[in-house]
PDB file of all heavy atoms in Angstrom:
ATOM      1  N   ALA A   1      25.643 -74.204  79.813  1.00  0.00           N
ATOM      2  CA  ALA A   1      24.599 -74.230  78.796  1.00  0.00           C
ATOM      3  C   ALA A   1      24.761 -73.061  77.860  1.00  0.00           C
ATOM      4  O   ALA A   1      25.010 -71.901  78.294  1.00  0.00           O
ATOM      5  CB  ALA A   1      23.237 -74.192  79.425  1.00  0.00           C
ATOM      6  N   PRO A   2      24.567 -73.294  76.516  1.00  0.00           N
ATOM      7  CA  PRO A   2      24.541 -72.160  75.589  1.00  0.00           C
ATOM      8  C   PRO A   2      23.359 -71.249  75.943  1.00  0.00           C
ATOM      9  O   PRO A   2      22.339 -71.722  76.421  1.00  0.00           O
ATOM     10  CB  PRO A   2      24.316 -72.823  74.232  1.00  0.00           C
ATOM     11  CG  PRO A   2      24.705 -74.235  74.430  1.00  0.00           C
ATOM     12  CD  PRO A   2      24.383 -74.579  75.869  1.00  0.00           C
ATOM     13  N   ARG A   3      23.490 -69.989  75.733  1.00  0.00           N
ATOM     14  CA  ARG A   3      22.405 -69.046  76.044  1.00  0.00           C
ATOM     15  C   ARG A   3      21.310 -69.182  75.018  1.00  0.00           C
ATOM     16  O   ARG A   3      21.510 -68.934  73.827  1.00  0.00           O
ATOM     17  CB  ARG A   3      22.946 -67.603  76.083  1.00  0.00           C
ATOM     18  CG  ARG A   3      21.852 -66.561  76.244  1.00  0.00           C
ATOM     19  CD  ARG A   3      22.365 -65.348  76.933  1.00  0.00           C
ATOM     20  NE  ARG A   3      22.562 -65.602  78.356  1.00  0.00           N
ATOM     21  CZ  ARG A   3      23.231 -64.784  79.177  1.00  0.00           C
ATOM     22  NH1 ARG A   3      23.730 -63.685  78.716  1.00  0.00           N
ATOM     23  NH2 ARG A   3      23.369 -65.091  80.439  1.00  0.00           N
ATOM     24  N   PRO A   4      20.108 -69.573  75.458  1.00  0.00           N
ATOM     25  CA  PRO A   4      19.005 -69.740  74.479  1.00  0.00           C
ATOM     26  C   PRO A   4      18.323 -68.422  74.154  1.00  0.00           C
ATOM     27  O   PRO A   4      18.361 -67.481  74.942  1.00  0.00           O
ATOM     28  CB  PRO A   4      18.038 -70.678  75.253  1.00  0.00           C
ATOM     29  CG  PRO A   4      18.231 -70.301  76.668  1.00  0.00           C
ATOM     30  CD  PRO A   4      19.712 -69.955  76.812  1.00  0.00           C
ATOM     31  N   ASP A   5      17.687 -68.393  72.993  1.00  0.00           N
ATOM     32  CA  ASP A   5      16.808 -67.275  72.625  1.00  0.00           C
ATOM     33  C   ASP A   5      15.446 -67.459  73.242  1.00  0.00           C
ATOM     34  O   ASP A   5      14.730 -66.497  73.486  1.00  0.00           O
ATOM     35  CB  ASP A   5      16.692 -67.159  71.126  1.00  0.00           C
ATOM     36  CG  ASP A   5      18.044 -66.979  70.436  1.00  0.00           C
ATOM     37  OD1 ASP A   5      18.730 -66.008  70.757  1.00  0.00           O
ATOM     38  OD2 ASP A   5      18.411 -67.863  69.629  1.00  0.00           O
ATOM     39  N   TRP A   6      15.068 -68.704  73.445  1.00  0.00           N
ATOM     40  CA  TRP A   6      13.717 -69.083  73.904  1.00  0.00           C
ATOM     41  C   TRP A   6      13.868 -70.247  74.876  1.00  0.00           C
ATOM     42  O   TRP A   6      14.604 -71.204  74.609  1.00  0.00           O
ATOM     43  CB  TRP A   6      12.869 -69.464  72.692  1.00  0.00           C
ATOM     44  CG  TRP A   6      11.462 -69.839  72.950  1.00  0.00           C
ATOM     45  CD1 TRP A   6      10.374 -68.979  72.932  1.00  0.00           C
ATOM     46  CD2 TRP A   6      10.939 -71.144  73.246  1.00  0.00           C
ATOM     47  NE1 TRP A   6       9.208 -69.698  73.194  1.00  0.00           N
ATOM     48  CE2 TRP A   6       9.540 -71.014  73.413  1.00  0.00           C
ATOM     49  CE3 TRP A   6      11.524 -72.372  73.438  1.00  0.00           C
ATOM     50  CZ2 TRP A   6       8.716 -72.072  73.717  1.00  0.00           C
ATOM     51  CZ3 TRP A   6      10.681 -73.457  73.750  1.00  0.00           C
ATOM     52  CH2 TRP A   6       9.307 -73.311  73.882  1.00  0.00           C
ATOM     53  N   LEU A   7      13.165 -70.168  76.004  1.00  0.00           N
ATOM     54  CA  LEU A   7      13.286 -71.219  77.028  1.00  0.00           C
ATOM     55  C   LEU A   7      11.923 -71.619  77.523  1.00  0.00           C
ATOM     56  O   LEU A   7      11.072 -70.779  77.866  1.00  0.00           O
ATOM     57  CB  LEU A   7      14.073 -70.637  78.201  1.00  0.00           C
ATOM     58  CG  LEU A   7      14.246 -71.513  79.447  1.00  0.00           C
ATOM     59  CD1 LEU A   7      15.062 -72.770  79.110  1.00  0.00           C
ATOM     60  CD2 LEU A   7      14.887 -70.734  80.563  1.00  0.00           C
ATOM     61  N   PHE A   8      11.686 -72.906  77.549  1.00  0.00           N
ATOM     62  CA  PHE A   8      10.393 -73.489  77.989  1.00  0.00           C
ATOM     63  C   PHE A   8      10.566 -74.055  79.389  1.00  0.00           C
ATOM     64  O   PHE A   8      11.459 -74.839  79.621  1.00  0.00           O
ATOM     65  CB  PHE A   8       9.946 -74.585  77.025  1.00  0.00           C
ATOM     66  CG  PHE A   8       8.605 -75.191  77.419  1.00  0.00           C
ATOM     67  CD1 PHE A   8       7.456 -74.433  77.374  1.00  0.00           C
ATOM     68  CD2 PHE A   8       8.550 -76.524  77.814  1.00  0.00           C
ATOM     69  CE1 PHE A   8       6.218 -75.020  77.721  1.00  0.00           C
ATOM     70  CE2 PHE A   8       7.322 -77.093  78.181  1.00  0.00           C
ATOM     71  CZ  PHE A   8       6.182 -76.334  78.120  1.00  0.00           C
ATOM     72  N   VAL A   9       9.673 -73.633  80.296  1.00  0.00           N
ATOM     73  CA  VAL A   9       9.664 -74.132  81.653  1.00  0.00           C
ATOM     74  C   VAL A   9       8.426 -75.012  81.799  1.00  0.00           C
ATOM     75  O   VAL A   9       7.299 -74.494  81.952  1.00  0.00           O
ATOM     76  CB  VAL A   9       9.637 -73.002  82.696  1.00  0.00           C
ATOM     77  CG1 VAL A   9       9.639 -73.561  84.131  1.00  0.00           C
ATOM     78  CG2 VAL A   9      10.817 -72.064  82.488  1.00  0.00           C
ATOM     79  N   PRO A  10       8.554 -76.348  81.713  1.00  0.00           N
ATOM     80  CA  PRO A  10       7.389 -77.243  81.709  1.00  0.00           C
ATOM     81  C   PRO A  10       6.789 -77.407  83.114  1.00  0.00           C
ATOM     82  O   PRO A  10       7.404 -77.043  84.102  1.00  0.00           O
ATOM     83  CB  PRO A  10       7.987 -78.548  81.211  1.00  0.00           C
ATOM     84  CG  PRO A  10       9.397 -78.534  81.699  1.00  0.00           C
ATOM     85  CD  PRO A  10       9.839 -77.085  81.624  1.00  0.00           C
ATOM     86  N   ALA A  11       5.590 -77.933  83.117  1.00  0.00           N
ATOM     87  CA  ALA A  11       4.965 -78.322  84.387  1.00  0.00           C
ATOM     88  C   ALA A  11       5.838 -79.354  85.082  1.00  0.00           C
ATOM     89  O   ALA A  11       6.534 -80.142  84.440  1.00  0.00           O
ATOM     90  CB  ALA A  11       3.576 -78.866  84.107  1.00  0.00           C
ATOM     91  N   LEU A  12       5.786 -79.337  86.417  1.00  0.00           N
ATOM     92  CA  LEU A  12       6.525 -80.287  87.181  1.00  0.00           C
ATOM     93  C   LEU A  12       5.638 -80.788  88.316  1.00  0.00           C
ATOM     94  O   LEU A  12       4.626 -80.180  88.668  1.00  0.00           O
ATOM     95  CB  LEU A  12       7.791 -79.713  87.727  1.00  0.00           C
ATOM     96  CG  LEU A  12       7.722 -78.592  88.753  1.00  0.00           C
ATOM     97  CD1 LEU A  12       9.028 -78.561  89.568  1.00  0.00           C
ATOM     98  CD2 LEU A  12       7.518 -77.229  88.084  1.00  0.00           C
ATOM     99  N   MET A  13       5.993 -81.955  88.836  1.00  0.00           N
ATOM    100  CA  MET A  13       5.223 -82.551  89.922  1.00  0.00           C
ATOM    101  C   MET A  13       5.540 -81.818  91.236  1.00  0.00           C
ATOM    102  O   MET A  13       6.691 -81.719  91.630  1.00  0.00           O
ATOM    103  CB  MET A  13       5.557 -84.046  90.045  1.00  0.00           C
ATOM    104  CG  MET A  13       5.121 -84.852  88.843  1.00  0.00           C
ATOM    105  SD  MET A  13       5.587 -86.584  88.944  1.00  0.00           S
ATOM    106  CE  MET A  13       7.349 -86.485  88.607  1.00  0.00           C
ATOM    107  N   VAL A  14       4.501 -81.354  91.880  1.00  0.00           N
ATOM    108  CA  VAL A  14       4.665 -80.650  93.149  1.00  0.00           C
ATOM    109  C   VAL A  14       3.684 -81.246  94.156  1.00  0.00           C
ATOM    110  O   VAL A  14       2.641 -81.778  93.786  1.00  0.00           O
ATOM    111  CB  VAL A  14       4.400 -79.128  92.994  1.00  0.00           C
ATOM    112  CG1 VAL A  14       5.440 -78.498  92.093  1.00  0.00           C
ATOM    113  CG2 VAL A  14       2.987 -78.845  92.520  1.00  0.00           C
ATOM    114  N   ASP A  15       4.025 -81.152  95.461  1.00  0.00           N
ATOM    115  CA  ASP A  15       3.121 -81.636  96.504  1.00  0.00           C
ATOM    116  C   ASP A  15       3.360 -80.747  97.709  1.00  0.00           C
ATOM    117  O   ASP A  15       4.021 -79.714  97.667  1.00  0.00           O
ATOM    118  CB  ASP A  15       3.384 -83.108  96.842  1.00  0.00           C
ATOM    119  CG  ASP A  15       4.836 -83.407  97.197  1.00  0.00           C
ATOM    120  OD1 ASP A  15       5.491 -82.486  97.752  1.00  0.00           O
ATOM    121  OD2 ASP A  15       5.284 -84.520  96.963  1.00  0.00           O
ATOM    122  N   ASP A  16       2.743 -81.137  98.854  1.00  0.00           N
ATOM    123  CA  ASP A  16       2.819 -80.299 100.048  1.00  0.00           C
ATOM    124  C   ASP A  16       4.215 -80.101 100.605  1.00  0.00           C
ATOM    125  O   ASP A  16       4.440 -79.270 101.456  1.00  0.00           O
ATOM    126  CB  ASP A  16       1.888 -80.873 101.156  1.00  0.00           C
ATOM    127  CG  ASP A  16       0.433 -80.727 100.813  1.00  0.00           C
ATOM    128  OD1 ASP A  16       0.111 -79.806  99.996  1.00  0.00           O
ATOM    129  OD2 ASP A  16      -0.393 -81.490 101.310  1.00  0.00           O
ATOM    130  N   SER A  17       5.186 -80.957 100.145  1.00  0.00           N
ATOM    131  CA  SER A  17       6.540 -80.812 100.609  1.00  0.00           C
ATOM    132  C   SER A  17       7.330 -79.785  99.877  1.00  0.00           C
ATOM    133  O   SER A  17       8.530 -79.551 100.157  1.00  0.00           O
ATOM    134  CB  SER A  17       7.252 -82.186 100.525  1.00  0.00           C
ATOM    135  OG  SER A  17       7.454 -82.559  99.189  1.00  0.00           O
ATOM    136  N   TRP A  18       6.708 -79.134  98.885  1.00  0.00           N
ATOM    137  CA  TRP A  18       7.432 -78.164  98.053  1.00  0.00           C
ATOM    138  C   TRP A  18       7.969 -77.034  98.942  1.00  0.00           C
ATOM    139  O   TRP A  18       7.276 -76.529  99.824  1.00  0.00           O
ATOM    140  CB  TRP A  18       6.497 -77.571  96.997  1.00  0.00           C
ATOM    141  CG  TRP A  18       7.171 -76.462  96.240  1.00  0.00           C
ATOM    142  CD1 TRP A  18       7.153 -75.112  96.552  1.00  0.00           C
ATOM    143  CD2 TRP A  18       7.945 -76.571  95.061  1.00  0.00           C
ATOM    144  NE1 TRP A  18       7.868 -74.390  95.644  1.00  0.00           N
ATOM    145  CE2 TRP A  18       8.363 -75.251  94.703  1.00  0.00           C
ATOM    146  CE3 TRP A  18       8.299 -77.654  94.252  1.00  0.00           C
ATOM    147  CZ2 TRP A  18       9.154 -75.011  93.596  1.00  0.00           C
ATOM    148  CZ3 TRP A  18       9.119 -77.391  93.148  1.00  0.00           C
ATOM    149  CH2 TRP A  18       9.507 -76.098  92.813  1.00  0.00           C
ATOM    150  N   GLU A  19       9.232 -76.625  98.670  1.00  0.00           N
ATOM    151  CA  GLU A  19       9.822 -75.491  99.330  1.00  0.00           C
ATOM    152  C   GLU A  19      10.424 -74.558  98.275  1.00  0.00           C
ATOM    153  O   GLU A  19      11.071 -75.022  97.331  1.00  0.00           O
ATOM    154  CB  GLU A  19      10.929 -75.960 100.268  1.00  0.00           C
ATOM    155  CG  GLU A  19      10.438 -76.842 101.410  1.00  0.00           C
ATOM    156  CD  GLU A  19      11.589 -77.336 102.282  1.00  0.00           C
ATOM    157  OE1 GLU A  19      12.760 -77.117 101.863  1.00  0.00           O
ATOM    158  OE2 GLU A  19      11.312 -77.951 103.330  1.00  0.00           O
ATOM    159  N   PRO A  20      10.203 -73.263  98.406  1.00  0.00           N
ATOM    160  CA  PRO A  20      10.674 -72.317  97.396  1.00  0.00           C
ATOM    161  C   PRO A  20      12.164 -72.339  97.124  1.00  0.00           C
ATOM    162  O   PRO A  20      12.634 -71.889  96.064  1.00  0.00           O
ATOM    163  CB  PRO A  20      10.218 -70.964  97.947  1.00  0.00           C
ATOM    164  CG  PRO A  20       9.030 -71.284  98.781  1.00  0.00           C
ATOM    165  CD  PRO A  20       9.355 -72.600  99.395  1.00  0.00           C
ATOM    166  N   CYS A  21      12.974 -72.861  98.069  1.00  0.00           N
ATOM    167  CA  CYS A  21      14.393 -72.838  97.897  1.00  0.00           C
ATOM    168  C   CYS A  21      14.935 -74.145  97.270  1.00  0.00           C
ATOM    169  O   CYS A  21      16.118 -74.379  97.190  1.00  0.00           O
ATOM    170  CB  CYS A  21      15.110 -72.670  99.257  1.00  0.00           C
ATOM    171  SG  CYS A  21      14.738 -73.915 100.475  1.00  0.00           S
ATOM    172  N   ARG A  22      14.027 -74.967  96.748  1.00  0.00           N
ATOM    173  CA  ARG A  22      14.435 -76.303  96.266  1.00  0.00           C
ATOM    174  C   ARG A  22      15.341 -76.221  95.030  1.00  0.00           C
ATOM    175  O   ARG A  22      16.177 -77.080  94.822  1.00  0.00           O
ATOM    176  CB  ARG A  22      13.167 -77.120  95.977  1.00  0.00           C
ATOM    177  CG  ARG A  22      13.437 -78.525  95.454  1.00  0.00           C
ATOM    178  CD  ARG A  22      12.175 -79.345  95.391  1.00  0.00           C
ATOM    179  NE  ARG A  22      11.604 -79.554  96.717  1.00  0.00           N
ATOM    180  CZ  ARG A  22      10.504 -80.268  96.944  1.00  0.00           C
ATOM    181  NH1 ARG A  22       9.853 -80.816  95.916  1.00  0.00           N
ATOM    182  NH2 ARG A  22      10.040 -80.437  98.155  1.00  0.00           N
ATOM    183  N   HIS A  23      15.109 -75.278  94.190  1.00  0.00           N
ATOM    184  CA  HIS A  23      15.831 -75.182  92.933  1.00  0.00           C
ATOM    185  C   HIS A  23      16.611 -73.869  92.821  1.00  0.00           C
ATOM    186  O   HIS A  23      16.435 -73.112  91.878  1.00  0.00           O
ATOM    187  CB  HIS A  23      14.902 -75.358  91.744  1.00  0.00           C
ATOM    188  CG  HIS A  23      14.243 -76.694  91.695  1.00  0.00           C
ATOM    189  ND1 HIS A  23      14.860 -77.848  91.311  1.00  0.00           N
ATOM    190  CD2 HIS A  23      12.945 -77.048  91.980  1.00  0.00           C
ATOM    191  CE1 HIS A  23      14.030 -78.855  91.361  1.00  0.00           C
ATOM    192  NE2 HIS A  23      12.858 -78.416  91.773  1.00  0.00           N
ATOM    193  N   GLY A  24      17.469 -73.640  93.802  1.00  0.00           N
ATOM    194  CA  GLY A  24      18.177 -72.338  93.858  1.00  0.00           C
ATOM    195  C   GLY A  24      19.038 -72.049  92.650  1.00  0.00           C
ATOM    196  O   GLY A  24      19.010 -70.933  92.119  1.00  0.00           O
ATOM    197  N   ARG A  25      19.808 -73.020  92.165  1.00  0.00           N
ATOM    198  CA  ARG A  25      20.704 -72.783  90.998  1.00  0.00           C
ATOM    199  C   ARG A  25      19.878 -72.511  89.743  1.00  0.00           C
ATOM    200  O   ARG A  25      20.218 -71.611  88.945  1.00  0.00           O
ATOM    201  CB  ARG A  25      21.608 -73.977  90.759  1.00  0.00           C
ATOM    202  CG  ARG A  25      22.751 -74.153  91.745  1.00  0.00           C
ATOM    203  CD  ARG A  25      23.652 -75.243  91.356  1.00  0.00           C
ATOM    204  NE  ARG A  25      24.402 -74.923  90.134  1.00  0.00           N
ATOM    205  CZ  ARG A  25      24.761 -75.839  89.242  1.00  0.00           C
ATOM    206  NH1 ARG A  25      24.481 -77.105  89.382  1.00  0.00           N
ATOM    207  NH2 ARG A  25      25.439 -75.457  88.164  1.00  0.00           N
ATOM    208  N   LEU A  26      18.829 -73.269  89.560  1.00  0.00           N
ATOM    209  CA  LEU A  26      17.976 -73.037  88.398  1.00  0.00           C
ATOM    210  C   LEU A  26      17.331 -71.680  88.493  1.00  0.00           C
ATOM    211  O   LEU A  26      17.208 -70.978  87.451  1.00  0.00           O
ATOM    212  CB  LEU A  26      16.883 -74.118  88.300  1.00  0.00           C
ATOM    213  CG  LEU A  26      17.240 -75.456  87.635  1.00  0.00           C
ATOM    214  CD1 LEU A  26      16.014 -76.347  87.608  1.00  0.00           C
ATOM    215  CD2 LEU A  26      17.767 -75.210  86.230  1.00  0.00           C
ATOM    216  N   ALA A  27      16.816 -71.323  89.648  1.00  0.00           N
ATOM    217  CA  ALA A  27      16.169 -70.005  89.821  1.00  0.00           C
ATOM    218  C   ALA A  27      17.135 -68.884  89.506  1.00  0.00           C
ATOM    219  O   ALA A  27      16.764 -67.912  88.822  1.00  0.00           O
ATOM    220  CB  ALA A  27      15.651 -69.873  91.238  1.00  0.00           C
ATOM    221  N   SER A  28      18.357 -69.004  89.972  1.00  0.00           N
ATOM    222  CA  SER A  28      19.376 -67.974  89.679  1.00  0.00           C
ATOM    223  C   SER A  28      19.661 -67.864  88.178  1.00  0.00           C
ATOM    224  O   SER A  28      19.760 -66.762  87.631  1.00  0.00           O
ATOM    225  CB  SER A  28      20.658 -68.275  90.433  1.00  0.00           C
ATOM    226  OG  SER A  28      21.672 -67.337  90.144  1.00  0.00           O
ATOM    227  N   TRP A  29      19.752 -69.024  87.534  1.00  0.00           N
ATOM    228  CA  TRP A  29      20.001 -69.055  86.093  1.00  0.00           C
ATOM    229  C   TRP A  29      18.817 -68.459  85.317  1.00  0.00           C
ATOM    230  O   TRP A  29      19.027 -67.704  84.374  1.00  0.00           O
ATOM    231  CB  TRP A  29      20.268 -70.495  85.648  1.00  0.00           C
ATOM    232  CG  TRP A  29      20.650 -70.620  84.221  1.00  0.00           C
ATOM    233  CD1 TRP A  29      21.877 -70.353  83.652  1.00  0.00           C
ATOM    234  CD2 TRP A  29      19.822 -71.097  83.144  1.00  0.00           C
ATOM    235  NE1 TRP A  29      21.848 -70.628  82.293  1.00  0.00           N
ATOM    236  CE2 TRP A  29      20.605 -71.047  81.943  1.00  0.00           C
ATOM    237  CE3 TRP A  29      18.499 -71.489  83.056  1.00  0.00           C
ATOM    238  CZ2 TRP A  29      20.096 -71.458  80.718  1.00  0.00           C
ATOM    239  CZ3 TRP A  29      17.984 -71.903  81.836  1.00  0.00           C
ATOM    240  CH2 TRP A  29      18.792 -71.889  80.670  1.00  0.00           C
ATOM    241  N   LEU A  30      17.605 -68.774  85.764  1.00  0.00           N
ATOM    242  CA  LEU A  30      16.420 -68.216  85.136  1.00  0.00           C
ATOM    243  C   LEU A  30      16.407 -66.684  85.216  1.00  0.00           C
ATOM    244  O   LEU A  30      16.073 -66.022  84.247  1.00  0.00           O
ATOM    245  CB  LEU A  30      15.147 -68.796  85.766  1.00  0.00           C
ATOM    246  CG  LEU A  30      14.640 -70.130  85.287  1.00  0.00           C
ATOM    247  CD1 LEU A  30      13.516 -70.634  86.192  1.00  0.00           C
ATOM    248  CD2 LEU A  30      14.178 -70.040  83.837  1.00  0.00           C
ATOM    249  N   ARG A  31      16.732 -66.150  86.377  1.00  0.00           N
ATOM    250  CA  ARG A  31      16.789 -64.710  86.524  1.00  0.00           C
ATOM    251  C   ARG A  31      17.795 -64.061  85.560  1.00  0.00           C
ATOM    252  O   ARG A  31      17.529 -63.067  84.934  1.00  0.00           O
ATOM    253  CB  ARG A  31      17.157 -64.352  87.976  1.00  0.00           C
ATOM    254  CG  ARG A  31      16.021 -64.417  88.956  1.00  0.00           C
ATOM    255  CD  ARG A  31      16.402 -63.771  90.287  1.00  0.00           C
ATOM    256  NE  ARG A  31      17.519 -64.412  90.928  1.00  0.00           N
ATOM    257  CZ  ARG A  31      17.417 -65.445  91.751  1.00  0.00           C
ATOM    258  NH1 ARG A  31      16.201 -65.945  92.025  1.00  0.00           N
ATOM    259  NH2 ARG A  31      18.467 -65.968  92.324  1.00  0.00           N
ATOM    260  N   ASP A  32      18.976 -64.717  85.474  1.00  0.00           N
ATOM    261  CA  ASP A  32      19.986 -64.190  84.571  1.00  0.00           C
ATOM    262  C   ASP A  32      19.524 -64.221  83.115  1.00  0.00           C
ATOM    263  O   ASP A  32      19.761 -63.285  82.312  1.00  0.00           O
ATOM    264  CB  ASP A  32      21.279 -64.986  84.717  1.00  0.00           C
ATOM    265  CG  ASP A  32      21.972 -64.722  86.048  1.00  0.00           C
ATOM    266  OD1 ASP A  32      21.602 -63.728  86.717  1.00  0.00           O
ATOM    267  OD2 ASP A  32      22.828 -65.549  86.403  1.00  0.00           O
ATOM    268  N   GLU A  33      18.870 -65.339  82.739  1.00  0.00           N
ATOM    269  CA  GLU A  33      18.387 -65.478  81.362  1.00  0.00           C
ATOM    270  C   GLU A  33      17.317 -64.429  81.035  1.00  0.00           C
ATOM    271  O   GLU A  33      17.298 -63.826  79.962  1.00  0.00           O
ATOM    272  CB  GLU A  33      17.861 -66.878  81.125  1.00  0.00           C
ATOM    273  CG  GLU A  33      18.910 -67.968  81.118  1.00  0.00           C
ATOM    274  CD  GLU A  33      20.024 -67.654  80.159  1.00  0.00           C
ATOM    275  OE1 GLU A  33      19.756 -67.420  78.967  1.00  0.00           O
ATOM    276  OE2 GLU A  33      21.222 -67.687  80.578  1.00  0.00           O
TER     277      GLU A  33
END
């Protein structure tokens, strides 16, 4: 992905099965951005 100047993180559907490790690659990319 090209490096954005501005990034929107929209609402997403979550339920009781949510686990913090579900989106590891995205989380790592977000930290870098």
